[in-house]
Protein backbone atom coordinates (compact mmCIF):
# COMPACT_ATOMS: atom_id res chain seq x y z
CA UNK A 1 -168.89 -39.00 19.46
CA UNK A 2 -167.08 -40.48 22.85
CA UNK A 3 -165.07 -43.17 23.28
CA UNK A 4 -166.49 -46.66 24.99
CA UNK A 5 -164.47 -48.17 27.74
CA UNK A 6 -163.40 -51.72 25.83
CA UNK A 7 -163.10 -54.82 28.37
CA UNK A 8 -159.74 -55.42 27.08
CA UNK A 9 -158.56 -51.98 27.11
CA UNK A 10 -154.77 -51.94 28.50
CA UNK A 11 -155.25 -49.29 31.46
CA UNK A 12 -152.92 -48.41 33.98
CA UNK A 13 -154.72 -49.26 37.15
CA UNK A 14 -154.67 -46.94 39.42
CA UNK A 15 -156.67 -47.06 42.82
CA UNK A 16 -157.86 -43.75 45.31
CA UNK A 17 -156.63 -41.81 46.66
CA UNK A 18 -155.25 -39.61 43.98
CA UNK A 19 -152.87 -36.95 44.19
CA UNK A 20 -153.43 -35.06 41.80
CA UNK A 21 -151.78 -31.11 40.47
CA UNK A 22 -151.77 -29.06 37.53
CA UNK A 23 -154.13 -25.65 36.82
CA UNK A 24 -157.20 -24.92 35.38
CA UNK A 25 -160.95 -22.71 35.46
CA UNK A 26 -163.45 -23.07 37.69
CA UNK A 27 -166.75 -20.85 36.38
CA UNK A 28 -169.91 -20.72 38.21
CA UNK A 29 -173.16 -20.04 36.24
CA UNK A 30 -176.98 -19.17 36.44
CA UNK A 31 -178.84 -21.54 33.88
CA UNK A 32 -181.72 -21.62 32.35
CA UNK A 33 -184.14 -24.13 34.17
CA UNK A 34 -185.12 -24.95 30.50
CA UNK A 35 -180.88 -26.35 30.06
CA UNK A 36 -180.90 -28.09 33.44
CA UNK A 37 -184.64 -29.27 33.74
CA UNK A 38 -183.38 -31.38 30.27
CA UNK A 39 -179.63 -32.32 31.27
CA UNK A 40 -179.83 -35.60 29.60
CA UNK A 41 -176.23 -36.61 31.02
CA UNK A 42 -178.08 -36.88 35.01
CA UNK A 43 -179.07 -39.71 36.02
CA UNK A 44 -182.71 -40.24 36.15
CA UNK A 45 -183.46 -40.97 39.69
CA UNK A 46 -181.44 -38.03 40.45
CA UNK A 47 -183.58 -35.33 37.95
CA UNK A 48 -186.15 -34.21 39.92
CA UNK A 49 -184.75 -33.41 43.32
CA UNK A 50 -181.89 -30.83 41.76
CA UNK A 51 -181.16 -27.83 43.32
CA UNK A 52 -180.02 -25.28 41.38
CA UNK A 53 -179.23 -21.72 42.20
CA UNK A 54 -176.48 -22.05 40.50
CA UNK A 55 -174.07 -24.17 38.60
CA UNK A 56 -169.82 -25.31 38.22
CA UNK A 57 -167.73 -26.12 35.39
CA UNK A 58 -163.98 -27.00 35.54
CA UNK A 59 -161.11 -26.71 33.11
CA UNK A 60 -158.55 -28.81 34.01
CA UNK A 61 -155.06 -29.66 32.66
CA UNK A 62 -153.55 -32.35 35.06
CA UNK A 63 -150.02 -32.39 35.00
CA UNK A 64 -149.74 -35.06 37.21
CA UNK A 65 -152.07 -37.71 38.31
CA UNK A 66 -151.80 -41.55 39.01
CA UNK A 67 -153.21 -42.09 35.73
CA UNK A 68 -150.79 -40.04 34.23
CA UNK A 69 -151.18 -36.10 32.90
CA UNK A 70 -154.49 -35.83 31.54
CA UNK A 71 -157.17 -32.64 30.92
CA UNK A 72 -160.82 -32.38 31.50
CA UNK A 73 -163.37 -30.47 31.33
CA UNK A 74 -166.76 -31.60 33.76
CA UNK A 75 -170.45 -29.97 35.02
CA UNK A 76 -172.04 -29.85 37.96
CA UNK A 77 -175.66 -28.57 37.53
CA UNK A 78 -176.66 -28.34 41.24
CA UNK A 79 -177.35 -30.84 44.20
CA UNK A 80 -179.28 -33.31 44.66
CA UNK A 81 -180.83 -35.74 47.20
CA UNK A 82 -179.04 -38.56 47.85
CA UNK A 83 -181.25 -40.43 50.14
CA UNK A 84 -181.79 -37.33 52.78
CA UNK A 85 -178.56 -34.98 52.51
CA UNK A 86 -178.29 -32.79 49.64
CA UNK A 87 -174.86 -32.99 47.91
CA UNK A 88 -173.46 -31.66 44.39
CA UNK A 89 -173.05 -34.59 41.69
CA UNK A 90 -170.95 -34.28 38.29
CA UNK A 91 -173.75 -35.23 35.48
CA UNK A 92 -171.41 -34.65 32.64
CA UNK A 93 -167.49 -34.52 31.95
CA UNK A 94 -164.76 -35.03 29.61
CA UNK A 95 -161.53 -36.42 29.43
CA UNK A 96 -158.63 -36.81 27.25
CA UNK A 97 -157.21 -40.45 28.72
CA UNK A 98 -158.56 -43.50 28.82
CA UNK A 99 -156.87 -44.31 31.83
CA UNK A 100 -159.08 -41.21 33.12
CA UNK A 101 -162.10 -42.84 32.33
CA UNK A 102 -161.59 -46.37 33.48
CA UNK A 103 -160.00 -45.32 36.92
CA UNK A 104 -162.73 -42.43 37.33
CA UNK A 105 -165.56 -44.65 37.15
CA UNK A 106 -163.83 -47.48 38.85
CA UNK A 107 -163.11 -45.11 41.74
CA UNK A 108 -165.49 -42.33 42.23
CA UNK A 109 -168.12 -43.55 39.87
CA UNK A 110 -167.25 -40.28 37.98
CA UNK A 111 -169.20 -40.86 34.24
CA UNK A 112 -166.22 -39.73 32.33
CA UNK A 113 -165.99 -40.09 28.51
CA UNK A 114 -162.87 -39.47 26.38
CA UNK A 115 -162.39 -37.08 23.91
CA UNK A 116 -159.05 -35.12 22.15
CA UNK A 117 -158.15 -32.08 24.29
CA UNK A 118 -156.47 -28.84 22.60
CA UNK A 119 -155.59 -26.20 25.84
CA UNK A 120 -153.49 -23.15 24.56
CA UNK A 121 -152.04 -21.78 27.33
CA UNK A 122 -150.56 -17.74 27.32
CA UNK A 123 -148.72 -15.64 28.65
CA UNK A 124 -150.94 -12.41 28.02
CA UNK A 125 -153.77 -14.61 30.21
CA UNK A 126 -156.16 -15.60 27.47
CA UNK A 127 -156.32 -19.46 27.31
CA UNK A 128 -157.53 -21.39 24.54
CA UNK A 129 -159.63 -24.39 25.17
CA UNK A 130 -161.03 -27.09 22.23
CA UNK A 131 -162.72 -30.55 22.42
CA UNK A 132 -163.15 -32.63 19.96
CA UNK A 133 -164.86 -36.00 19.44
CA UNK A 134 -163.34 -39.06 17.70
CA UNK A 135 -165.24 -38.42 14.69
CA UNK A 136 -163.60 -34.36 14.77
CA UNK A 137 -166.66 -32.74 15.59
CA UNK A 138 -166.59 -29.76 17.89
CA UNK A 139 -168.04 -30.77 21.33
CA UNK A 140 -166.31 -27.70 23.36
CA UNK A 141 -164.95 -24.48 22.64
CA UNK A 142 -163.76 -21.74 25.24
CA UNK A 143 -161.45 -18.72 25.67
CA UNK A 144 -161.25 -17.34 29.04
CA UNK A 145 -158.60 -15.01 30.51
CA UNK A 146 -157.72 -14.20 33.71
CA UNK A 147 -156.15 -11.15 35.57
CA UNK A 148 -155.05 -9.55 38.51
CA UNK A 149 -152.47 -10.92 41.19
CA UNK A 150 -152.70 -14.10 43.07
CA UNK A 151 -154.26 -15.64 45.82
CA UNK A 152 -154.26 -18.36 48.46
CA UNK A 153 -157.88 -20.52 47.21
CA UNK A 154 -160.49 -21.13 50.15
CA UNK A 155 -160.20 -24.61 48.99
CA UNK A 156 -158.70 -26.71 52.35
CA UNK A 157 -160.56 -23.62 53.75
CA UNK A 158 -163.68 -25.55 52.86
CA UNK A 159 -166.00 -27.44 55.77
CA UNK A 160 -166.19 -31.14 54.40
CA UNK A 161 -170.01 -30.89 54.10
CA UNK A 162 -169.64 -28.16 52.03
CA UNK A 163 -167.01 -30.12 49.43
CA UNK A 164 -168.36 -33.76 49.58
CA UNK A 165 -169.44 -34.99 46.30
CA UNK A 166 -171.73 -37.72 45.87
CA UNK A 167 -172.27 -39.99 41.98
CA UNK A 168 -174.70 -42.05 41.11
CA UNK A 169 -172.77 -45.41 39.23
CA UNK A 170 -174.17 -48.59 37.74
CA UNK A 171 -176.50 -48.99 40.93
CA UNK A 172 -174.22 -47.20 43.94
CA UNK A 173 -173.68 -44.34 45.27
CA UNK A 174 -169.94 -43.05 45.62
CA UNK A 175 -169.52 -40.58 48.19
CA UNK A 176 -166.17 -38.26 48.45
CA UNK A 177 -164.61 -35.56 49.91
CA UNK A 178 -161.94 -33.94 47.48
CA UNK A 179 -159.50 -30.97 49.47
CA UNK A 180 -157.21 -28.83 47.29
CA UNK A 181 -154.98 -26.07 47.92
CA UNK A 182 -153.10 -23.23 45.79
CA UNK A 183 -153.39 -19.93 44.03
CA UNK A 184 -156.61 -18.38 42.25
CA UNK A 185 -157.02 -15.57 40.01
CA UNK A 186 -159.85 -13.60 38.57
CA UNK A 187 -160.90 -14.42 35.53
CA UNK A 188 -163.68 -14.20 33.09
CA UNK A 189 -165.22 -16.16 29.80
CA UNK A 190 -164.21 -14.15 26.33
CA UNK A 191 -166.09 -16.88 24.31
CA UNK A 192 -167.69 -20.48 24.63
CA UNK A 193 -169.39 -22.59 22.42
CA UNK A 194 -170.46 -26.24 23.17
CA UNK A 195 -172.82 -28.69 21.24
CA UNK A 196 -175.54 -29.49 23.29
CA UNK A 197 -175.93 -33.20 22.49
CA UNK A 198 -172.70 -33.86 23.71
CA UNK A 199 -172.09 -31.16 26.70
CA UNK A 200 -174.44 -28.62 27.82
CA UNK A 201 -175.08 -25.71 26.39
CA UNK A 202 -173.16 -23.51 29.17
CA UNK A 203 -173.61 -20.52 26.59
CA UNK A 204 -177.35 -20.06 27.28
CA UNK A 205 -176.39 -19.25 30.87
CA UNK A 206 -174.29 -16.50 32.38
CA UNK A 207 -171.03 -16.70 34.00
CA UNK A 208 -171.26 -14.80 37.25
CA UNK A 209 -167.80 -15.62 38.80
CA UNK A 210 -164.97 -17.11 36.90
CA UNK A 211 -161.92 -17.95 38.21
CA UNK A 212 -158.16 -19.28 37.26
CA UNK A 213 -156.05 -21.20 39.33
CA UNK A 214 -152.71 -21.13 38.31
CA UNK A 215 -151.56 -23.97 40.36
CA UNK A 216 -152.74 -26.65 42.42
CA UNK A 217 -152.86 -29.63 44.36
CA UNK A 218 -155.82 -31.92 44.81
CA UNK A 219 -156.15 -34.51 47.01
CA UNK A 220 -158.91 -37.52 45.51
CA UNK A 221 -159.51 -39.34 48.44
CA UNK A 222 -161.08 -43.60 48.44
CA UNK A 223 -165.07 -42.78 48.37
CA UNK A 224 -167.26 -45.06 50.69
CA UNK A 225 -169.66 -47.18 48.14
CA UNK A 226 -173.05 -48.84 49.06
CA UNK A 227 -176.10 -49.31 47.10
CA UNK A 228 -178.51 -46.73 45.64
CA UNK A 229 -181.05 -49.34 47.15
CA UNK A 230 -180.26 -50.51 50.19
């Protein structure tokens, strides 16, 4: 199962902003309504306002960050109503280090939990990732393939309103607009499996678009923070 954050856990104190470098995959998925409606990790205050023609998942291997290298798998079900503004929000995310867990929660209200990652990047373009819990249970397994030439990644061309995230964490709303630059390639899902108790079962959906990001640089700025009930 997932690890918890112990108050006396020694950690790297890395306040925002962060500049990160790495590689990964972005998956756009059409998920069944029944799966999204029962997404247990979405905050209860947001569930009724979800709108989700497409959901997003990201598998990322950060080679550099202010909290050191780490890996992550995250899920964005869709957009939610944050006091009249519709914003995407990360509902479930695993990372490979406690330094990332603690700083992600403190800096941006991102609900990170830790597990073990094994990501195998291959020269033939077929990449594999496996996530396991502290008890050895399998959380997720993905086999992804990239193909075609590298193209400029359009993330830094998107207007701020389209890349602004909000997170609800411990009674506060965190809002931030990450930016990125790099390259991408077309990709596809060859195989995947998930423990639905620990991560949304993406295999029940249909991946409608997938991209490998062979290299990128991302900026996570300082979040604006307000009390949720103000």
